[in-house]
Amino acid sequence: PPQKDEHRAYDFRRPTKFTKEQMQTLQIIHDNYARIMGNYLTAFLRAPVKLHVVSVAQVTYEEFVFSLPVPTLMTIFNASPDTGIAMLETNPTFVFILIDLLFGGEGKPPSKIRELTDIETTVMRQVKEKFLENLGYVWRGIVELAPQIESMDTNPQFNQIIASSETVALITLSVTVQNVQGFINLCFPYITLERVLPKLTAQQWFDQFQYSADRGKPGNAGKSLRAPAVEVKVVLGRSRITLEDFMQLREGDVLALERRKGEPLEVLIEDQPIFKAQPGTRGRRLGVQITGWFTEEERSDH
């Protein structure tokens, strides 16, 4: 019998340039970035701020630009000599809440979006410098970034940093301040990251963070930054019981877990499901062996 045609359609307008592992590593890097920036903004604004990564995708620059509101606040920055130009875009709703808090207000969202004044732009430039400083911090496991602001603009359709058809890695973060949600976008053109793509692996990132932590110990190079602690949890299983059953639990009782025998465990990094694993032992200690990654669809189900 004739063989089945296994050719797959290829979209030349949207070529896939970043691998699945590279996109997953971008997710891990910016999950850490969201945690650090959430802590920083909470202290800086004296108001609870929550950030989390909504999506990591590869799109064309044109698609990214046309998805942005007008006006918005775009910060074009030079990431490092080894990379190139990238963009940090902050949604106007978030920008005006932030400005209102900094100027002594209650952090209320604006009734109408408008252009920033010169004073507001100057203030936001200083805030963006801190955003970029922390971005360089979380990326150092892959490449030493020293982001420098090149320009700031408010109309995305007049800001052509690369060709419209070029592929970009787009990281979208949700930011919640005063119970109002806004968004932050990080846009990394493929040509900006091309030279460091071989290093864009989870193993490289974790290895370099460990190396940086070792160098940060007393007696070693004092200029090295100490790596932030990353909380890792392994979920053996979950169970649902009534409050009445809970009150009657005694030593020796057995709870049936929802996880089936042989089903991989969940490894959470900063409460985000990242790895799948199998339980075991190493010497006298319990441990897990990483067996795979959670897909974006599986992550969203959590």
Foldseek 3Di string as FASTA:
>chain_A
DDDDDPDDDADPLFHDDADPQLQLLVQVLVQVLQVVVQVVLCVVLVFHKHKHWPDKDKDFQLVVLVVADFFWKKWWKAWDPLFGIKIKTWGQQQLVLSVCSVVPHPSDGDPDDDDDDPVSVVVVVVVVQVSSVSSQVSCVLQPRTDIDTDDMDTRSVVDDPDDRSFMWIKIKMWMATPNDIIIMIITGTCRRCVSRSVCSGPVSSVVSLVVLQVQCDPPHDVVGDHRDDKDKDKDPFDADDDPVVVVVDDPPDDTDGPDDPPFWIFIDINNFGFFTWDWDADVPGTDTDTDGTDDPVRRVVD
